[in-house]
């Protein structure tokens, strides 16, 4: 794992055409039916937890809580961890549940007119740890090394992932929250970044 803080600030090599307004607000979201990790625009994190016994209502519980957060936080961009790769161990029912939840989550951002980006899980891990197979403990340790951040009640690593998704958004937008090796920053090119966001903020349509 590379220690981000050891990279000199002058070596970032930012593309000035992507540099965003200082007040840009970005959220991170690690979507899960049992425990969705959320990173607010101020960097604080929490989990939206649901119970198995609530069955289909779990989706609406996540939607309603997220809608409140979006209304309060008013983000310019939401960065979401992409759907997991389909494996032989994943049932059709599980795949439908995950895809359905993502659709509900996106509807919240659509209603609020908030563009979003998707980052594959392996890409996020490579950005944070320079290792596409990093585990939850690695992601948490990397956050501490990068910015002294620790997460309470985060056994599943949902908050750490959401925190790194937010950090990735700021990095892509040309407003990195801390120094990172260029090689790790380059991994973000594999994310799906919204053209709408580029048009609205990067190209200065709303400036």
C-alpha atoms as a PDB file:
ATOM      1  CA  UNK A   1       0.000   0.000   0.000  1.00  0.00           C
ATOM      2  CA  UNK A   2       1.304   3.442  -0.911  1.00  0.00           C
ATOM      3  CA  UNK A   3       1.141   6.120   1.779  1.00  0.00           C
ATOM      4  CA  UNK A   4      -0.618   9.111   0.139  1.00  0.00           C
ATOM      5  CA  UNK A   5       0.818  11.699   2.509  1.00  0.00           C
ATOM      6  CA  UNK A   6       4.364  11.071   1.304  1.00  0.00           C
ATOM      7  CA  UNK A   7       3.657  12.435  -2.164  1.00  0.00           C
ATOM      8  CA  UNK A   8       4.674  16.058  -2.616  1.00  0.00           C
ATOM      9  CA  UNK A   9       1.700  18.396  -3.218  1.00  0.00           C
ATOM     10  CA  UNK A  10       3.394  19.904  -6.269  1.00  0.00           C
ATOM     11  CA  UNK A  11       3.560  16.545  -8.046  1.00  0.00           C
ATOM     12  CA  UNK A  12      -0.183  16.064  -8.541  1.00  0.00           C
ATOM     13  CA  UNK A  13      -0.198  17.197 -12.160  1.00  0.00           C
ATOM     14  CA  UNK A  14      -3.824  18.316 -12.133  1.00  0.00           C
ATOM     15  CA  UNK A  15      -5.589  19.113 -15.375  1.00  0.00           C
ATOM     16  CA  UNK A  16      -6.722  22.713 -14.844  1.00  0.00           C
ATOM     17  CA  UNK A  17      -9.595  22.257 -17.294  1.00  0.00           C
ATOM     18  CA  UNK A  18     -11.200  19.860 -14.814  1.00  0.00           C
ATOM     19  CA  UNK A  19     -10.673  22.053 -11.775  1.00  0.00           C
ATOM     20  CA  UNK A  20     -13.949  22.661  -9.975  1.00  0.00           C
ATOM     21  CA  UNK A  21     -15.273  25.544  -7.863  1.00  0.00           C
ATOM     22  CA  UNK A  22     -13.945  25.429  -4.317  1.00  0.00           C
ATOM     23  CA  UNK A  23     -17.459  24.960  -2.954  1.00  0.00           C
ATOM     24  CA  UNK A  24     -18.247  21.816  -4.945  1.00  0.00           C
ATOM     25  CA  UNK A  25     -20.224  19.259  -2.890  1.00  0.00           C
ATOM     26  CA  UNK A  26     -19.809  15.526  -3.494  1.00  0.00           C
ATOM     27  CA  UNK A  27     -21.406  12.509  -1.799  1.00  0.00           C
ATOM     28  CA  UNK A  28     -20.193   8.901  -1.765  1.00  0.00           C
ATOM     29  CA  UNK A  29     -22.531   5.910  -1.693  1.00  0.00           C
ATOM     30  CA  UNK A  30     -21.831   2.202  -1.198  1.00  0.00           C
ATOM     31  CA  UNK A  31     -25.210   0.666  -2.013  1.00  0.00           C
ATOM     32  CA  UNK A  32     -26.307  -2.450  -0.117  1.00  0.00           C
ATOM     33  CA  UNK A  33     -29.717  -3.815   0.854  1.00  0.00           C
ATOM     34  CA  UNK A  34     -28.507  -4.609   4.388  1.00  0.00           C
ATOM     35  CA  UNK A  35     -26.133  -1.716   5.085  1.00  0.00           C
ATOM     36  CA  UNK A  36     -25.693   1.186   2.668  1.00  0.00           C
ATOM     37  CA  UNK A  37     -22.650   3.311   3.424  1.00  0.00           C
ATOM     38  CA  UNK A  38     -23.050   7.060   2.944  1.00  0.00           C
ATOM     39  CA  UNK A  39     -20.393   9.778   2.957  1.00  0.00           C
ATOM     40  CA  UNK A  40     -21.885  13.234   3.326  1.00  0.00           C
ATOM     41  CA  UNK A  41     -20.456  16.268   1.561  1.00  0.00           C
ATOM     42  CA  UNK A  42     -18.642  17.264   4.779  1.00  0.00           C
ATOM     43  CA  UNK A  43     -16.880  13.873   4.951  1.00  0.00           C
ATOM     44  CA  UNK A  44     -18.876  12.417   7.841  1.00  0.00           C
ATOM     45  CA  UNK A  45     -20.160   8.894   7.271  1.00  0.00           C
ATOM     46  CA  UNK A  46     -22.977   6.644   8.438  1.00  0.00           C
ATOM     47  CA  UNK A  47     -24.850   3.509   7.447  1.00  0.00           C
ATOM     48  CA  UNK A  48     -28.467   3.062   6.382  1.00  0.00           C
ATOM     49  CA  UNK A  49     -29.209  -0.279   8.005  1.00  0.00           C
ATOM     50  CA  UNK A  50     -32.251  -2.426   7.254  1.00  0.00           C
ATOM     51  CA  UNK A  51     -33.743  -5.585   8.740  1.00  0.00           C
ATOM     52  CA  UNK A  52     -34.464  -8.815   6.912  1.00  0.00           C
ATOM     53  CA  UNK A  53     -37.944  -9.014   8.427  1.00  0.00           C
ATOM     54  CA  UNK A  54     -38.932  -5.771   6.681  1.00  0.00           C
ATOM     55  CA  UNK A  55     -38.565  -7.529   3.321  1.00  0.00           C
ATOM     56  CA  UNK A  56     -39.511  -5.282   0.381  1.00  0.00           C
ATOM     57  CA  UNK A  57     -39.859  -2.234   2.627  1.00  0.00           C
ATOM     58  CA  UNK A  58     -36.077  -2.241   3.010  1.00  0.00           C
ATOM     59  CA  UNK A  59     -35.757  -0.654  -0.418  1.00  0.00           C
ATOM     60  CA  UNK A  60     -38.141   2.181   0.422  1.00  0.00           C
ATOM     61  CA  UNK A  61     -36.420   2.704   3.788  1.00  0.00           C
ATOM     62  CA  UNK A  62     -33.123   3.270   1.998  1.00  0.00           C
ATOM     63  CA  UNK A  63     -34.801   5.502  -0.579  1.00  0.00           C
ATOM     64  CA  UNK A  64     -36.536   7.669   2.016  1.00  0.00           C
ATOM     65  CA  UNK A  65     -33.447   8.154   4.190  1.00  0.00           C
ATOM     66  CA  UNK A  66     -31.288   8.909   1.171  1.00  0.00           C
ATOM     67  CA  UNK A  67     -33.835  11.432  -0.138  1.00  0.00           C
ATOM     68  CA  UNK A  68     -33.614  13.315   3.161  1.00  0.00           C
ATOM     69  CA  UNK A  69     -29.824  13.355   3.002  1.00  0.00           C
ATOM     70  CA  UNK A  70     -29.779  14.576  -0.586  1.00  0.00           C
ATOM     71  CA  UNK A  71     -32.254  17.355   0.212  1.00  0.00           C
ATOM     72  CA  UNK A  72     -30.130  18.465   3.176  1.00  0.00           C
ATOM     73  CA  UNK A  73     -26.696  18.024   1.586  1.00  0.00           C
ATOM     74  CA  UNK A  74     -27.565  19.372  -1.883  1.00  0.00           C
ATOM     75  CA  UNK A  75     -24.647  17.607  -3.607  1.00  0.00           C
ATOM     76  CA  UNK A  76     -23.398  18.560  -7.048  1.00  0.00           C
ATOM     77  CA  UNK A  77     -22.389  14.950  -7.705  1.00  0.00           C
ATOM     78  CA  UNK A  78     -22.971  11.497  -6.201  1.00  0.00           C
ATOM     79  CA  UNK A  79     -20.257   8.860  -6.632  1.00  0.00           C
ATOM     80  CA  UNK A  80     -21.603   5.312  -6.356  1.00  0.00           C
ATOM     81  CA  UNK A  81     -19.832   1.964  -6.166  1.00  0.00           C
ATOM     82  CA  UNK A  82     -20.779   0.016  -9.276  1.00  0.00           C
ATOM     83  CA  UNK A  83     -22.665  -3.269  -9.293  1.00  0.00           C
ATOM     84  CA  UNK A  84     -20.529  -6.292  -8.390  1.00  0.00           C
ATOM     85  CA  UNK A  85     -19.312  -8.598 -11.102  1.00  0.00           C
ATOM     86  CA  UNK A  86     -21.654 -11.499 -11.802  1.00  0.00           C
ATOM     87  CA  UNK A  87     -20.220 -14.755 -10.492  1.00  0.00           C
ATOM     88  CA  UNK A  88     -21.441 -18.320 -10.390  1.00  0.00           C
ATOM     89  CA  UNK A  89     -22.247 -17.883  -6.707  1.00  0.00           C
ATOM     90  CA  UNK A  90     -24.692 -15.026  -7.347  1.00  0.00           C
ATOM     91  CA  UNK A  91     -28.297 -16.134  -7.749  1.00  0.00           C
ATOM     92  CA  UNK A  92     -30.711 -14.493 -10.167  1.00  0.00           C
ATOM     93  CA  UNK A  93     -32.767 -13.359  -7.174  1.00  0.00           C
ATOM     94  CA  UNK A  94     -29.769 -11.615  -5.614  1.00  0.00           C
ATOM     95  CA  UNK A  95     -28.868  -9.974  -8.907  1.00  0.00           C
ATOM     96  CA  UNK A  96     -32.417  -8.696  -9.335  1.00  0.00           C
ATOM     97  CA  UNK A  97     -32.456  -7.341  -5.780  1.00  0.00           C
ATOM     98  CA  UNK A  98     -29.164  -5.465  -6.213  1.00  0.00           C
ATOM     99  CA  UNK A  99     -30.106  -4.050  -9.609  1.00  0.00           C
ATOM    100  CA  UNK A 100     -33.531  -3.041  -8.319  1.00  0.00           C
ATOM    101  CA  UNK A 101     -32.041  -1.214  -5.356  1.00  0.00           C
ATOM    102  CA  UNK A 102     -29.647   0.674  -7.603  1.00  0.00           C
ATOM    103  CA  UNK A 103     -32.585   1.759  -9.746  1.00  0.00           C
ATOM    104  CA  UNK A 104     -34.411   3.106  -6.701  1.00  0.00           C
ATOM    105  CA  UNK A 105     -31.277   4.921  -5.517  1.00  0.00           C
ATOM    106  CA  UNK A 106     -30.769   6.531  -8.919  1.00  0.00           C
ATOM    107  CA  UNK A 107     -34.386   7.712  -8.896  1.00  0.00           C
ATOM    108  CA  UNK A 108     -33.577   9.779  -5.792  1.00  0.00           C
ATOM    109  CA  UNK A 109     -30.761  11.551  -7.618  1.00  0.00           C
ATOM    110  CA  UNK A 110     -32.874  11.974 -10.756  1.00  0.00           C
ATOM    111  CA  UNK A 111     -35.651  13.623  -8.751  1.00  0.00           C
ATOM    112  CA  UNK A 112     -33.106  15.956  -7.142  1.00  0.00           C
ATOM    113  CA  UNK A 113     -31.374  16.682 -10.467  1.00  0.00           C
ATOM    114  CA  UNK A 114     -28.070  15.356  -9.132  1.00  0.00           C
ATOM    115  CA  UNK A 115     -25.718  13.680 -11.660  1.00  0.00           C
ATOM    116  CA  UNK A 116     -23.895  10.559 -10.583  1.00  0.00           C
ATOM    117  CA  UNK A 117     -20.762   8.567 -11.355  1.00  0.00           C
ATOM    118  CA  UNK A 118     -20.134   4.841 -11.063  1.00  0.00           C
ATOM    119  CA  UNK A 119     -16.794   3.362  -9.957  1.00  0.00           C
ATOM    120  CA  UNK A 120     -16.133  -0.397 -10.143  1.00  0.00           C
ATOM    121  CA  UNK A 121     -15.204  -1.977  -6.779  1.00  0.00           C
ATOM    122  CA  UNK A 122     -11.753  -3.045  -8.011  1.00  0.00           C
ATOM    123  CA  UNK A 123     -11.057   0.447  -9.365  1.00  0.00           C
ATOM    124  CA  UNK A 124     -11.953   2.041  -6.033  1.00  0.00           C
ATOM    125  CA  UNK A 125      -9.638  -0.364  -4.217  1.00  0.00           C
ATOM    126  CA  UNK A 126      -6.824   0.361  -6.651  1.00  0.00           C
ATOM    127  CA  UNK A 127      -7.317   4.108  -6.193  1.00  0.00           C
ATOM    128  CA  UNK A 128      -7.253   3.833  -2.394  1.00  0.00           C
ATOM    129  CA  UNK A 129      -4.660   1.103  -1.904  1.00  0.00           C
ATOM    130  CA  UNK A 130      -2.946   0.543  -5.265  1.00  0.00           C
ATOM    131  CA  UNK A 131      -4.392  -2.947  -5.058  1.00  0.00           C
ATOM    132  CA  UNK A 132      -7.586  -3.943  -6.865  1.00  0.00           C
ATOM    133  CA  UNK A 133      -8.047  -6.857  -4.451  1.00  0.00           C
ATOM    134  CA  UNK A 134      -7.662  -4.862  -1.223  1.00  0.00           C
ATOM    135  CA  UNK A 135      -9.969  -5.943   1.596  1.00  0.00           C
ATOM    136  CA  UNK A 136     -12.097  -3.857   3.963  1.00  0.00           C
ATOM    137  CA  UNK A 137      -9.314  -3.559   6.530  1.00  0.00           C
ATOM    138  CA  UNK A 138      -6.953  -2.261   3.831  1.00  0.00           C
ATOM    139  CA  UNK A 139      -9.490   0.380   2.779  1.00  0.00           C
ATOM    140  CA  UNK A 140      -9.949   1.524   6.362  1.00  0.00           C
ATOM    141  CA  UNK A 141      -6.206   1.655   6.962  1.00  0.00           C
ATOM    142  CA  UNK A 142      -5.683   3.627   3.745  1.00  0.00           C
ATOM    143  CA  UNK A 143      -8.250   6.215   4.876  1.00  0.00           C
ATOM    144  CA  UNK A 144      -6.371   6.630   8.142  1.00  0.00           C
ATOM    145  CA  UNK A 145      -3.055   7.025   6.340  1.00  0.00           C
ATOM    146  CA  UNK A 146      -4.528   9.477   3.839  1.00  0.00           C
ATOM    147  CA  UNK A 147      -6.435  11.762   6.196  1.00  0.00           C
ATOM    148  CA  UNK A 148      -6.391  10.355   9.732  1.00  0.00           C
ATOM    149  CA  UNK A 149      -9.966   9.087   9.351  1.00  0.00           C
ATOM    150  CA  UNK A 150     -11.420   6.254  11.427  1.00  0.00           C
ATOM    151  CA  UNK A 151     -14.869   4.711  11.164  1.00  0.00           C
ATOM    152  CA  UNK A 152     -17.046   3.620  14.083  1.00  0.00           C
ATOM    153  CA  UNK A 153     -19.349   0.615  13.655  1.00  0.00           C
ATOM    154  CA  UNK A 154     -17.977  -0.291  10.237  1.00  0.00           C
ATOM    155  CA  UNK A 155     -17.284  -4.029  10.342  1.00  0.00           C
ATOM    156  CA  UNK A 156     -18.433  -4.458   6.755  1.00  0.00           C
ATOM    157  CA  UNK A 157     -16.402  -1.507   5.500  1.00  0.00           C
ATOM    158  CA  UNK A 158     -19.446   0.236   4.019  1.00  0.00           C
ATOM    159  CA  UNK A 159     -18.548   3.630   5.451  1.00  0.00           C
ATOM    160  CA  UNK A 160     -14.911   3.357   4.385  1.00  0.00           C
ATOM    161  CA  UNK A 161     -15.961   2.545   0.827  1.00  0.00           C
ATOM    162  CA  UNK A 162     -18.388   5.481   0.761  1.00  0.00           C
ATOM    163  CA  UNK A 163     -15.667   7.782   2.123  1.00  0.00           C
ATOM    164  CA  UNK A 164     -13.270   6.711  -0.618  1.00  0.00           C
ATOM    165  CA  UNK A 165     -15.977   7.153  -3.265  1.00  0.00           C
ATOM    166  CA  UNK A 166     -16.442  10.752  -2.119  1.00  0.00           C
ATOM    167  CA  UNK A 167     -12.673  11.279  -2.158  1.00  0.00           C
ATOM    168  CA  UNK A 168     -12.499   9.842  -5.674  1.00  0.00           C
ATOM    169  CA  UNK A 169     -15.127  12.323  -6.817  1.00  0.00           C
ATOM    170  CA  UNK A 170     -13.186  15.273  -5.478  1.00  0.00           C
ATOM    171  CA  UNK A 171     -10.006  13.934  -7.032  1.00  0.00           C
ATOM    172  CA  UNK A 172     -11.638  13.517 -10.441  1.00  0.00           C
ATOM    173  CA  UNK A 173     -13.102  17.018 -10.158  1.00  0.00           C
ATOM    174  CA  UNK A 174      -9.639  18.509  -9.695  1.00  0.00           C
ATOM    175  CA  UNK A 175     -10.168  19.275  -5.992  1.00  0.00           C
ATOM    176  CA  UNK A 176      -8.301  16.398  -4.308  1.00  0.00           C
ATOM    177  CA  UNK A 177      -8.767  16.190  -0.560  1.00  0.00           C
ATOM    178  CA  UNK A 178      -5.215  14.952   0.002  1.00  0.00           C
ATOM    179  CA  UNK A 179      -2.153  14.061  -2.023  1.00  0.00           C
ATOM    180  CA  UNK A 180      -2.137  10.794  -3.942  1.00  0.00           C
ATOM    181  CA  UNK A 181       0.389   9.049  -6.214  1.00  0.00           C
ATOM    182  CA  UNK A 182      -0.396   9.844  -9.838  1.00  0.00           C
ATOM    183  CA  UNK A 183      -0.508   6.140 -10.684  1.00  0.00           C
ATOM    184  CA  UNK A 184      -3.352   5.639  -8.210  1.00  0.00           C
ATOM    185  CA  UNK A 185      -5.183   8.731  -9.407  1.00  0.00           C
ATOM    186  CA  UNK A 186      -5.008   7.403 -12.972  1.00  0.00           C
ATOM    187  CA  UNK A 187      -7.183   4.433 -12.017  1.00  0.00           C
ATOM    188  CA  UNK A 188     -10.172   6.786 -11.833  1.00  0.00           C
ATOM    189  CA  UNK A 189     -10.232   6.981 -15.628  1.00  0.00           C
ATOM    190  CA  UNK A 190     -11.972   3.578 -15.463  1.00  0.00           C
ATOM    191  CA  UNK A 191     -14.956   5.108 -13.695  1.00  0.00           C
ATOM    192  CA  UNK A 192     -18.127   6.188 -15.472  1.00  0.00           C
ATOM    193  CA  UNK A 193     -18.202   9.965 -15.053  1.00  0.00           C
ATOM    194  CA  UNK A 194     -21.325  11.827 -16.192  1.00  0.00           C
ATOM    195  CA  UNK A 195     -21.201  14.036 -19.265  1.00  0.00           C
ATOM    196  CA  UNK A 196     -23.911  16.170 -17.672  1.00  0.00           C
ATOM    197  CA  UNK A 197     -21.576  16.953 -14.798  1.00  0.00           C
ATOM    198  CA  UNK A 198     -18.782  17.921 -17.174  1.00  0.00           C
ATOM    199  CA  UNK A 199     -21.101  20.188 -19.134  1.00  0.00           C
ATOM    200  CA  UNK A 200     -22.620  21.852 -16.094  1.00  0.00           C
ATOM    201  CA  UNK A 201     -19.544  22.418 -13.950  1.00  0.00           C
ATOM    202  CA  UNK A 202     -16.333  21.569 -15.811  1.00  0.00           C
ATOM    203  CA  UNK A 203     -17.245  23.564 -18.894  1.00  0.00           C
ATOM    204  CA  UNK A 204     -18.626  26.374 -16.768  1.00  0.00           C
ATOM    205  CA  UNK A 205     -22.223  26.424 -18.031  1.00  0.00           C
ATOM    206  CA  UNK A 206     -23.463  27.352 -14.559  1.00  0.00           C
ATOM    207  CA  UNK A 207     -20.467  29.460 -13.533  1.00  0.00           C
END
